[in-house]
Amino acid sequence: MGFFSKLFGGGHSELDKVLKEGCVIIDVRTKQEFKDGHIHGSINIPLSRIPKELKKIKAKKKPIVLCCRSGGRAGSALPILQQAGIQAYNGGGWVSLRKKVAK
């Protein structure tokens, strides 16, 4: 697995499967960024709040797909969720993820 695969959460086939079978999309951008545009149905939890919201996220009982502007902040949130035992994936930038969700 290459550097970018590790950074952005692994293979896309697994991400595509999770998107198809059902997941919760969490956008880790700021509230203002989220307000300016986001994936319909996604939840906004800014990166700085992720550690404080772990119980709420875990209660969703579904895989979590993280997104942000480019995938960097989602990549920072990913190990926090994984260390808490949450099945999570980095979906990358929200605009490109929105295209995958729309398929």
PDB file of N, CA and C in Angstrom:
ATOM      1  N   MET A   1       0.848  -1.163   0.000  1.00  0.00           N
ATOM      2  CA  MET A   1       0.000   0.000   0.000  1.00  0.00           C
ATOM      3  C   MET A   1       0.902   1.238   0.000  1.00  0.00           C
ATOM      4  N   GLY A   2       0.653   2.171  -0.887  1.00  0.00           N
ATOM      5  CA  GLY A   2       1.474   3.359  -1.019  1.00  0.00           C
ATOM      6  C   GLY A   2       1.153   4.414   0.014  1.00  0.00           C
ATOM      7  N   PHE A   3       1.990   5.444   0.023  1.00  0.00           N
ATOM      8  CA  PHE A   3       1.828   6.544   0.968  1.00  0.00           C
ATOM      9  C   PHE A   3       0.443   7.169   0.892  1.00  0.00           C
ATOM     10  N   PHE A   4      -0.009   7.489  -0.322  1.00  0.00           N
ATOM     11  CA  PHE A   4      -1.306   8.150  -0.463  1.00  0.00           C
ATOM     12  C   PHE A   4      -2.455   7.220  -0.107  1.00  0.00           C
ATOM     13  N   SER A   5      -2.304   5.941  -0.381  1.00  0.00           N
ATOM     14  CA  SER A   5      -3.348   4.987   0.010  1.00  0.00           C
ATOM     15  C   SER A   5      -3.495   4.948   1.524  1.00  0.00           C
ATOM     16  N   LYS A   6      -2.358   4.964   2.224  1.00  0.00           N
ATOM     17  CA  LYS A   6      -2.410   4.972   3.689  1.00  0.00           C
ATOM     18  C   LYS A   6      -3.010   6.277   4.195  1.00  0.00           C
ATOM     19  N   LEU A   7      -2.583   7.383   3.609  1.00  0.00           N
ATOM     20  CA  LEU A   7      -3.070   8.689   4.038  1.00  0.00           C
ATOM     21  C   LEU A   7      -4.560   8.829   3.818  1.00  0.00           C
ATOM     22  N   PHE A   8      -5.037   8.345   2.696  1.00  0.00           N
ATOM     23  CA  PHE A   8      -6.442   8.550   2.351  1.00  0.00           C
ATOM     24  C   PHE A   8      -7.313   7.328   2.585  1.00  0.00           C
ATOM     25  N   GLY A   9      -6.857   6.386   3.386  1.00  0.00           N
ATOM     26  CA  GLY A   9      -7.750   5.366   3.897  1.00  0.00           C
ATOM     27  C   GLY A   9      -7.838   4.078   3.108  1.00  0.00           C
ATOM     28  N   GLY A  10      -6.889   3.787   2.239  1.00  0.00           N
ATOM     29  CA  GLY A  10      -6.879   2.494   1.594  1.00  0.00           C
ATOM     30  C   GLY A  10      -7.553   2.475   0.247  1.00  0.00           C
ATOM     31  N   GLY A  11      -7.856   1.264  -0.206  1.00  0.00           N
ATOM     32  CA  GLY A  11      -8.396   1.066  -1.544  1.00  0.00           C
ATOM     33  C   GLY A  11      -9.777   1.641  -1.743  1.00  0.00           C
ATOM     34  N   HIS A  12     -10.022   2.106  -2.941  1.00  0.00           N
ATOM     35  CA  HIS A  12     -11.318   2.707  -3.242  1.00  0.00           C
ATOM     36  C   HIS A  12     -12.417   1.667  -3.372  1.00  0.00           C
ATOM     37  N   SER A  13     -12.096   0.421  -3.691  1.00  0.00           N
ATOM     38  CA  SER A  13     -13.151  -0.582  -3.825  1.00  0.00           C
ATOM     39  C   SER A  13     -13.867  -0.788  -2.489  1.00  0.00           C
ATOM     40  N   GLU A  14     -13.122  -0.759  -1.402  1.00  0.00           N
ATOM     41  CA  GLU A  14     -13.727  -0.895  -0.074  1.00  0.00           C
ATOM     42  C   GLU A  14     -14.596   0.330   0.244  1.00  0.00           C
ATOM     43  N   LEU A  15     -14.106   1.514  -0.099  1.00  0.00           N
ATOM     44  CA  LEU A  15     -14.877   2.739   0.099  1.00  0.00           C
ATOM     45  C   LEU A  15     -16.145   2.708  -0.742  1.00  0.00           C
ATOM     46  N   ASP A  16     -16.032   2.301  -1.994  1.00  0.00           N
ATOM     47  CA  ASP A  16     -17.206   2.218  -2.864  1.00  0.00           C
ATOM     48  C   ASP A  16     -18.242   1.258  -2.296  1.00  0.00           C
ATOM     49  N   LYS A  17     -17.778   0.150  -1.753  1.00  0.00           N
ATOM     50  CA  LYS A  17     -18.677  -0.842  -1.162  1.00  0.00           C
ATOM     51  C   LYS A  17     -19.435  -0.246   0.031  1.00  0.00           C
ATOM     52  N   VAL A  18     -18.729   0.455   0.887  1.00  0.00           N
ATOM     53  CA  VAL A  18     -19.340   1.069   2.062  1.00  0.00           C
ATOM     54  C   VAL A  18     -20.349   2.139   1.644  1.00  0.00           C
ATOM     55  N   LEU A  19     -19.995   2.935   0.635  1.00  0.00           N
ATOM     56  CA  LEU A  19     -20.918   3.960   0.150  1.00  0.00           C
ATOM     57  C   LEU A  19     -22.199   3.337  -0.398  1.00  0.00           C
ATOM     58  N   LYS A  20     -22.051   2.204  -1.045  1.00  0.00           N
ATOM     59  CA  LYS A  20     -23.201   1.524  -1.647  1.00  0.00           C
ATOM     60  C   LYS A  20     -24.069   0.841  -0.592  1.00  0.00           C
ATOM     61  N   GLU A  21     -23.427   0.246   0.420  1.00  0.00           N
ATOM     62  CA  GLU A  21     -24.157  -0.547   1.410  1.00  0.00           C
ATOM     63  C   GLU A  21     -24.728   0.284   2.566  1.00  0.00           C
ATOM     64  N   GLY A  22     -24.262   1.497   2.712  1.00  0.00           N
ATOM     65  CA  GLY A  22     -24.778   2.362   3.765  1.00  0.00           C
ATOM     66  C   GLY A  22     -23.719   2.781   4.757  1.00  0.00           C
ATOM     67  N   CYS A  23     -23.632   4.060   4.959  1.00  0.00           N
ATOM     68  CA  CYS A  23     -22.645   4.619   5.863  1.00  0.00           C
ATOM     69  C   CYS A  23     -23.127   5.991   6.315  1.00  0.00           C
ATOM     70  N   VAL A  24     -22.366   6.578   7.204  1.00  0.00           N
ATOM     71  CA  VAL A  24     -22.604   7.949   7.634  1.00  0.00           C
ATOM     72  C   VAL A  24     -21.427   8.768   7.114  1.00  0.00           C
ATOM     73  N   ILE A  25     -21.732   9.855   6.429  1.00  0.00           N
ATOM     74  CA  ILE A  25     -20.680  10.741   5.936  1.00  0.00           C
ATOM     75  C   ILE A  25     -20.536  11.893   6.919  1.00  0.00           C
ATOM     76  N   ILE A  26     -19.322  12.045   7.426  1.00  0.00           N
ATOM     77  CA  ILE A  26     -19.021  13.135   8.343  1.00  0.00           C
ATOM     78  C   ILE A  26     -18.039  14.075   7.654  1.00  0.00           C
ATOM     79  N   ASP A  27     -18.451  15.324   7.542  1.00  0.00           N
ATOM     80  CA  ASP A  27     -17.641  16.383   6.950  1.00  0.00           C
ATOM     81  C   ASP A  27     -16.928  17.092   8.090  1.00  0.00           C
ATOM     82  N   VAL A  28     -15.597  17.059   8.085  1.00  0.00           N
ATOM     83  CA  VAL A  28     -14.828  17.591   9.206  1.00  0.00           C
ATOM     84  C   VAL A  28     -14.351  19.035   8.983  1.00  0.00           C
ATOM     85  N   ARG A  29     -14.934  19.709   8.000  1.00  0.00           N
ATOM     86  CA  ARG A  29     -14.590  21.108   7.774  1.00  0.00           C
ATOM     87  C   ARG A  29     -15.259  21.994   8.830  1.00  0.00           C
ATOM     88  N   THR A  30     -14.928  23.271   8.814  1.00  0.00           N
ATOM     89  CA  THR A  30     -15.549  24.212   9.743  1.00  0.00           C
ATOM     90  C   THR A  30     -17.028  24.369   9.425  1.00  0.00           C
ATOM     91  N   LYS A  31     -17.765  24.906  10.376  1.00  0.00           N
ATOM     92  CA  LYS A  31     -19.203  25.132  10.171  1.00  0.00           C
ATOM     93  C   LYS A  31     -19.456  26.042   8.967  1.00  0.00           C
ATOM     94  N   GLN A  32     -18.634  27.076   8.808  1.00  0.00           N
ATOM     95  CA  GLN A  32     -18.824  27.994   7.688  1.00  0.00           C
ATOM     96  C   GLN A  32     -18.548  27.304   6.359  1.00  0.00           C
ATOM     97  N   GLU A  33     -17.498  26.498   6.283  1.00  0.00           N
ATOM     98  CA  GLU A  33     -17.195  25.764   5.052  1.00  0.00           C
ATOM     99  C   GLU A  33     -18.356  24.834   4.705  1.00  0.00           C
ATOM    100  N   PHE A  34     -18.875  24.145   5.716  1.00  0.00           N
ATOM    101  CA  PHE A  34     -19.997  23.228   5.517  1.00  0.00           C
ATOM    102  C   PHE A  34     -21.225  23.993   5.028  1.00  0.00           C
ATOM    103  N   LYS A  35     -21.467  25.139   5.623  1.00  0.00           N
ATOM    104  CA  LYS A  35     -22.608  25.969   5.234  1.00  0.00           C
ATOM    105  C   LYS A  35     -22.502  26.417   3.772  1.00  0.00           C
ATOM    106  N   ASP A  36     -21.285  26.627   3.304  1.00  0.00           N
ATOM    107  CA  ASP A  36     -21.060  27.073   1.925  1.00  0.00           C
ATOM    108  C   ASP A  36     -21.306  25.978   0.886  1.00  0.00           C
ATOM    109  N   GLY A  37     -21.406  24.731   1.321  1.00  0.00           N
ATOM    110  CA  GLY A  37     -21.687  23.610   0.428  1.00  0.00           C
ATOM    111  C   GLY A  37     -21.256  22.308   1.058  1.00  0.00           C
ATOM    112  N   HIS A  38     -22.066  21.269   0.857  1.00  0.00           N
ATOM    113  CA  HIS A  38     -21.758  19.962   1.450  1.00  0.00           C
ATOM    114  C   HIS A  38     -22.562  18.864   0.743  1.00  0.00           C
ATOM    115  N   ILE A  39     -22.267  17.636   1.086  1.00  0.00           N
ATOM    116  CA  ILE A  39     -22.992  16.482   0.556  1.00  0.00           C
ATOM    117  C   ILE A  39     -24.322  16.377   1.299  1.00  0.00           C
ATOM    118  N   HIS A  40     -25.402  16.283   0.550  1.00  0.00           N
ATOM    119  CA  HIS A  40     -26.735  16.148   1.148  1.00  0.00           C
ATOM    120  C   HIS A  40     -26.753  14.937   2.086  1.00  0.00           C
ATOM    121  N   GLY A  41     -27.215  15.149   3.290  1.00  0.00           N
ATOM    122  CA  GLY A  41     -27.314  14.073   4.273  1.00  0.00           C
ATOM    123  C   GLY A  41     -26.069  13.893   5.126  1.00  0.00           C
ATOM    124  N   SER A  42     -25.000  14.605   4.799  1.00  0.00           N
ATOM    125  CA  SER A  42     -23.784  14.474   5.608  1.00  0.00           C
ATOM    126  C   SER A  42     -23.937  15.243   6.912  1.00  0.00           C
ATOM    127  N   ILE A  43     -23.107  14.898   7.871  1.00  0.00           N
ATOM    128  CA  ILE A  43     -23.105  15.520   9.187  1.00  0.00           C
ATOM    129  C   ILE A  43     -21.836  16.351   9.312  1.00  0.00           C
ATOM    130  N   ASN A  44     -21.945  17.531   9.868  1.00  0.00           N
ATOM    131  CA  ASN A  44     -20.775  18.379  10.074  1.00  0.00           C
ATOM    132  C   ASN A  44     -20.288  18.247  11.507  1.00  0.00           C
ATOM    133  N   ILE A  45     -19.092  17.683  11.652  1.00  0.00           N
ATOM    134  CA  ILE A  45     -18.391  17.662  12.934  1.00  0.00           C
ATOM    135  C   ILE A  45     -16.981  18.145  12.634  1.00  0.00           C
ATOM    136  N   PRO A  46     -16.682  19.407  12.928  1.00  0.00           N
ATOM    137  CA  PRO A  46     -15.341  19.927  12.647  1.00  0.00           C
ATOM    138  C   PRO A  46     -14.253  19.064  13.295  1.00  0.00           C
ATOM    139  N   LEU A  47     -13.117  18.987  12.637  1.00  0.00           N
ATOM    140  CA  LEU A  47     -12.011  18.150  13.091  1.00  0.00           C
ATOM    141  C   LEU A  47     -11.703  18.350  14.571  1.00  0.00           C
ATOM    142  N   SER A  48     -11.697  19.583  15.030  1.00  0.00           N
ATOM    143  CA  SER A  48     -11.364  19.855  16.434  1.00  0.00           C
ATOM    144  C   SER A  48     -12.367  19.237  17.408  1.00  0.00           C
ATOM    145  N   ARG A  49     -13.574  18.923  16.952  1.00  0.00           N
ATOM    146  CA  ARG A  49     -14.614  18.349  17.806  1.00  0.00           C
ATOM    147  C   ARG A  49     -14.666  16.819  17.757  1.00  0.00           C
ATOM    148  N   ILE A  50     -13.975  16.224  16.812  1.00  0.00           N
ATOM    149  CA  ILE A  50     -14.047  14.758  16.631  1.00  0.00           C
ATOM    150  C   ILE A  50     -13.765  14.008  17.944  1.00  0.00           C
ATOM    151  N   PRO A  51     -12.687  14.295  18.665  1.00  0.00           N
ATOM    152  CA  PRO A  51     -12.447  13.533  19.905  1.00  0.00           C
ATOM    153  C   PRO A  51     -13.579  13.657  20.927  1.00  0.00           C
ATOM    154  N   LYS A  52     -14.254  14.792  20.948  1.00  0.00           N
ATOM    155  CA  LYS A  52     -15.332  15.021  21.910  1.00  0.00           C
ATOM    156  C   LYS A  52     -16.633  14.351  21.478  1.00  0.00           C
ATOM    157  N   GLU A  53     -16.741  13.975  20.229  1.00  0.00           N
ATOM    158  CA  GLU A  53     -17.979  13.423  19.674  1.00  0.00           C
ATOM    159  C   GLU A  53     -17.905  11.911  19.413  1.00  0.00           C
ATOM    160  N   LEU A  54     -16.893  11.244  19.922  1.00  0.00           N
ATOM    161  CA  LEU A  54     -16.703   9.818  19.629  1.00  0.00           C
ATOM    162  C   LEU A  54     -17.902   8.963  20.041  1.00  0.00           C
ATOM    163  N   LYS A  55     -18.489   9.220  21.195  1.00  0.00           N
ATOM    164  CA  LYS A  55     -19.654   8.430  21.628  1.00  0.00           C
ATOM    165  C   LYS A  55     -20.816   8.604  20.650  1.00  0.00           C
ATOM    166  N   LYS A  56     -21.060   9.826  20.246  1.00  0.00           N
ATOM    167  CA  LYS A  56     -22.134  10.134  19.297  1.00  0.00           C
ATOM    168  C   LYS A  56     -21.873   9.444  17.949  1.00  0.00           C
ATOM    169  N   ILE A  57     -20.623   9.464  17.511  1.00  0.00           N
ATOM    170  CA  ILE A  57     -20.259   8.842  16.230  1.00  0.00           C
ATOM    171  C   ILE A  57     -20.415   7.323  16.332  1.00  0.00           C
ATOM    172  N   LYS A  58     -19.923   6.752  17.420  1.00  0.00           N
ATOM    173  CA  LYS A  58     -20.009   5.304  17.617  1.00  0.00           C
ATOM    174  C   LYS A  58     -21.458   4.838  17.666  1.00  0.00           C
ATOM    175  N   ALA A  59     -22.336   5.670  18.198  1.00  0.00           N
ATOM    176  CA  ALA A  59     -23.754   5.328  18.330  1.00  0.00           C
ATOM    177  C   ALA A  59     -24.448   5.200  16.964  1.00  0.00           C
ATOM    178  N   LYS A  60     -23.849   5.709  15.912  1.00  0.00           N
ATOM    179  CA  LYS A  60     -24.434   5.614  14.570  1.00  0.00           C
ATOM    180  C   LYS A  60     -24.488   4.162  14.100  1.00  0.00           C
ATOM    181  N   LYS A  61     -23.595   3.314  14.618  1.00  0.00           N
ATOM    182  CA  LYS A  61     -23.554   1.883  14.312  1.00  0.00           C
ATOM    183  C   LYS A  61     -23.496   1.594  12.805  1.00  0.00           C
ATOM    184  N   LYS A  62     -22.800   2.459  12.089  1.00  0.00           N
ATOM    185  CA  LYS A  62     -22.562   2.283  10.661  1.00  0.00           C
ATOM    186  C   LYS A  62     -21.134   2.698  10.376  1.00  0.00           C
ATOM    187  N   PRO A  63     -20.587   2.213   9.268  1.00  0.00           N
ATOM    188  CA  PRO A  63     -19.264   2.707   8.881  1.00  0.00           C
ATOM    189  C   PRO A  63     -19.319   4.218   8.665  1.00  0.00           C
ATOM    190  N   ILE A  64     -18.213   4.873   8.947  1.00  0.00           N
ATOM    191  CA  ILE A  64     -18.106   6.319   8.813  1.00  0.00           C
ATOM    192  C   ILE A  64     -17.192   6.643   7.637  1.00  0.00           C
ATOM    193  N   VAL A  65     -17.639   7.550   6.786  1.00  0.00           N
ATOM    194  CA  VAL A  65     -16.802   8.058   5.701  1.00  0.00           C
ATOM    195  C   VAL A  65     -16.568   9.533   5.997  1.00  0.00           C
ATOM    196  N   LEU A  66     -15.304   9.886   6.111  1.00  0.00           N
ATOM    197  CA  LEU A  66     -14.913  11.250   6.433  1.00  0.00           C
ATOM    198  C   LEU A  66     -14.588  12.019   5.166  1.00  0.00           C
ATOM    199  N   CYS A  67     -14.901  13.308   5.152  1.00  0.00           N
ATOM    200  CA  CYS A  67     -14.508  14.151   4.027  1.00  0.00           C
ATOM    201  C   CYS A  67     -14.203  15.554   4.528  1.00  0.00           C
ATOM    202  N   CYS A  68     -13.557  16.324   3.691  1.00  0.00           N
ATOM    203  CA  CYS A  68     -13.245  17.723   3.982  1.00  0.00           C
ATOM    204  C   CYS A  68     -13.028  18.421   2.641  1.00  0.00           C
ATOM    205  N   ARG A  69     -12.186  19.425   2.587  1.00  0.00           N
ATOM    206  CA  ARG A  69     -11.964  20.123   1.322  1.00  0.00           C
ATOM    207  C   ARG A  69     -11.107  19.282   0.383  1.00  0.00           C
ATOM    208  N   SER A  70     -10.013  18.723   0.917  1.00  0.00           N
ATOM    209  CA  SER A  70      -9.084  17.992   0.048  1.00  0.00           C
ATOM    210  C   SER A  70      -8.780  16.571   0.511  1.00  0.00           C
ATOM    211  N   GLY A  71      -9.146  16.226   1.715  1.00  0.00           N
ATOM    212  CA  GLY A  71      -8.855  14.908   2.272  1.00  0.00           C
ATOM    213  C   GLY A  71      -7.842  14.947   3.397  1.00  0.00           C
ATOM    214  N   GLY A  72      -7.160  16.072   3.563  1.00  0.00           N
ATOM    215  CA  GLY A  72      -6.140  16.178   4.603  1.00  0.00           C
ATOM    216  C   GLY A  72      -6.700  16.135   6.015  1.00  0.00           C
ATOM    217  N   ARG A  73      -7.710  16.934   6.282  1.00  0.00           N
ATOM    218  CA  ARG A  73      -8.315  16.933   7.629  1.00  0.00           C
ATOM    219  C   ARG A  73      -9.033  15.624   7.894  1.00  0.00           C
ATOM    220  N   ALA A  74      -9.650  15.062   6.860  1.00  0.00           N
ATOM    221  CA  ALA A  74     -10.289  13.750   7.010  1.00  0.00           C
ATOM    222  C   ALA A  74      -9.228  12.706   7.363  1.00  0.00           C
ATOM    223  N   GLY A  75      -8.051  12.838   6.754  1.00  0.00           N
ATOM    224  CA  GLY A  75      -6.937  11.945   7.065  1.00  0.00           C
ATOM    225  C   GLY A  75      -6.466  12.095   8.498  1.00  0.00           C
ATOM    226  N   SER A  76      -6.552  13.293   9.038  1.00  0.00           N
ATOM    227  CA  SER A  76      -6.183  13.523  10.439  1.00  0.00           C
ATOM    228  C   SER A  76      -7.224  12.944  11.387  1.00  0.00           C
ATOM    229  N   ALA A  77      -8.489  12.967  11.004  1.00  0.00           N
ATOM    230  CA  ALA A  77      -9.564  12.438  11.837  1.00  0.00           C
ATOM    231  C   ALA A  77      -9.613  10.909  11.808  1.00  0.00           C
ATOM    232  N   LEU A  78      -9.167  10.319  10.714  1.00  0.00           N
ATOM    233  CA  LEU A  78      -9.274   8.866  10.523  1.00  0.00           C
ATOM    234  C   LEU A  78      -8.678   8.045  11.662  1.00  0.00           C
ATOM    235  N   PRO A  79      -7.423   8.259  12.067  1.00  0.00           N
ATOM    236  CA  PRO A  79      -6.884   7.418  13.146  1.00  0.00           C
ATOM    237  C   PRO A  79      -7.572   7.629  14.485  1.00  0.00           C
ATOM    238  N   ILE A  80      -8.138   8.802  14.707  1.00  0.00           N
ATOM    239  CA  ILE A  80      -8.872   9.056  15.958  1.00  0.00           C
ATOM    240  C   ILE A  80     -10.076   8.117  16.039  1.00  0.00           C
ATOM    241  N   LEU A  81     -10.815   8.009  14.940  1.00  0.00           N
ATOM    242  CA  LEU A  81     -11.975   7.125  14.902  1.00  0.00           C
ATOM    243  C   LEU A  81     -11.554   5.663  14.950  1.00  0.00           C
ATOM    244  N   GLN A  82     -10.538   5.306  14.178  1.00  0.00           N
ATOM    245  CA  GLN A  82     -10.095   3.915  14.140  1.00  0.00           C
ATOM    246  C   GLN A  82      -9.587   3.459  15.508  1.00  0.00           C
ATOM    247  N   GLN A  83      -8.862   4.323  16.218  1.00  0.00           N
ATOM    248  CA  GLN A  83      -8.369   3.961  17.555  1.00  0.00           C
ATOM    249  C   GLN A  83      -9.514   3.787  18.554  1.00  0.00           C
ATOM    250  N   ALA A  84     -10.652   4.402  18.258  1.00  0.00           N
ATOM    251  CA  ALA A  84     -11.839   4.249  19.114  1.00  0.00           C
ATOM    252  C   ALA A  84     -12.659   3.026  18.706  1.00  0.00           C
ATOM    253  N   GLY A  85     -12.166   2.263  17.735  1.00  0.00           N
ATOM    254  CA  GLY A  85     -12.863   1.053  17.307  1.00  0.00           C
ATOM    255  C   GLY A  85     -13.971   1.299  16.301  1.00  0.00           C
ATOM    256  N   ILE A  86     -13.941   2.440  15.653  1.00  0.00           N
ATOM    257  CA  ILE A  86     -14.966   2.798  14.670  1.00  0.00           C
ATOM    258  C   ILE A  86     -14.451   2.481  13.272  1.00  0.00           C
ATOM    259  N   GLN A  87     -15.261   1.778  12.497  1.00  0.00           N
ATOM    260  CA  GLN A  87     -14.905   1.484  11.107  1.00  0.00           C
ATOM    261  C   GLN A  87     -15.022   2.788  10.315  1.00  0.00           C
ATOM    262  N   ALA A  88     -13.890   3.311   9.863  1.00  0.00           N
ATOM    263  CA  ALA A  88     -13.891   4.621   9.218  1.00  0.00           C
ATOM    264  C   ALA A  88     -13.003   4.620   7.985  1.00  0.00           C
ATOM    265  N   TYR A  89     -13.352   5.495   7.047  1.00  0.00           N
ATOM    266  CA  TYR A  89     -12.644   5.630   5.774  1.00  0.00           C
ATOM    267  C   TYR A  89     -12.480   7.102   5.448  1.00  0.00           C
ATOM    268  N   ASN A  90     -11.400   7.423   4.784  1.00  0.00           N
ATOM    269  CA  ASN A  90     -11.203   8.784   4.308  1.00  0.00           C
ATOM    270  C   ASN A  90     -11.773   8.865   2.904  1.00  0.00           C
ATOM    271  N   GLY A  91     -12.835   9.615   2.753  1.00  0.00           N
ATOM    272  CA  GLY A  91     -13.463   9.790   1.448  1.00  0.00           C
ATOM    273  C   GLY A  91     -12.828  10.886   0.618  1.00  0.00           C
ATOM    274  N   GLY A  92     -11.853  11.604   1.182  1.00  0.00           N
ATOM    275  CA  GLY A  92     -11.162  12.654   0.450  1.00  0.00           C
ATOM    276  C   GLY A  92     -11.944  13.954   0.440  1.00  0.00           C
ATOM    277  N   GLY A  93     -11.817  14.682  -0.655  1.00  0.00           N
ATOM    278  CA  GLY A  93     -12.511  15.959  -0.797  1.00  0.00           C
ATOM    279  C   GLY A  93     -14.004  15.764  -0.990  1.00  0.00           C
ATOM    280  N   TRP A  94     -14.783  16.653  -0.418  1.00  0.00           N
ATOM    281  CA  TRP A  94     -16.237  16.490  -0.447  1.00  0.00           C
ATOM    282  C   TRP A  94     -16.815  16.588  -1.838  1.00  0.00           C
ATOM    283  N   VAL A  95     -16.226  17.396  -2.716  1.00  0.00           N
ATOM    284  CA  VAL A  95     -16.772  17.549  -4.071  1.00  0.00           C
ATOM    285  C   VAL A  95     -16.626  16.243  -4.852  1.00  0.00           C
ATOM    286  N   SER A  96     -15.452  15.627  -4.783  1.00  0.00           N
ATOM    287  CA  SER A  96     -15.269  14.359  -5.505  1.00  0.00           C
ATOM    288  C   SER A  96     -16.065  13.228  -4.849  1.00  0.00           C
ATOM    289  N   LEU A  97     -16.189  13.242  -3.528  1.00  0.00           N
ATOM    290  CA  LEU A  97     -16.985  12.220  -2.848  1.00  0.00           C
ATOM    291  C   LEU A  97     -18.456  12.352  -3.216  1.00  0.00           C
ATOM    292  N   ARG A  98     -18.921  13.574  -3.356  1.00  0.00           N
ATOM    293  CA  ARG A  98     -20.317  13.805  -3.745  1.00  0.00           C
ATOM    294  C   ARG A  98     -20.614  13.131  -5.085  1.00  0.00           C
ATOM    295  N   LYS A  99     -19.671  13.155  -6.003  1.00  0.00           N
ATOM    296  CA  LYS A  99     -19.844  12.496  -7.303  1.00  0.00           C
ATOM    297  C   LYS A  99     -19.985  10.989  -7.134  1.00  0.00           C
ATOM    298  N   LYS A 100     -19.215  10.409  -6.222  1.00  0.00           N
ATOM    299  CA  LYS A 100     -19.310   8.962  -5.974  1.00  0.00           C
ATOM    300  C   LYS A 100     -20.644   8.611  -5.320  1.00  0.00           C
ATOM    301  N   VAL A 101     -21.112   9.446  -4.425  1.00  0.00           N
ATOM    302  CA  VAL A 101     -22.375   9.198  -3.728  1.00  0.00           C
ATOM    303  C   VAL A 101     -23.533   9.273  -4.709  1.00  0.00           C
ATOM    304  N   ALA A 102     -23.438  10.146  -5.689  1.00  0.00           N
ATOM    305  CA  ALA A 102     -24.509  10.348  -6.652  1.00  0.00           C
ATOM    306  C   ALA A 102     -24.641   9.194  -7.652  1.00  0.00           C
ATOM    307  N   LYS A 103     -23.637   8.312  -7.720  1.00  0.00           N
ATOM    308  CA  LYS A 103     -23.683   7.192  -8.671  1.00  0.00           C
ATOM    309  C   LYS A 103     -24.763   6.209  -8.325  1.00  0.00           C
TER     310      LYS A 103
END
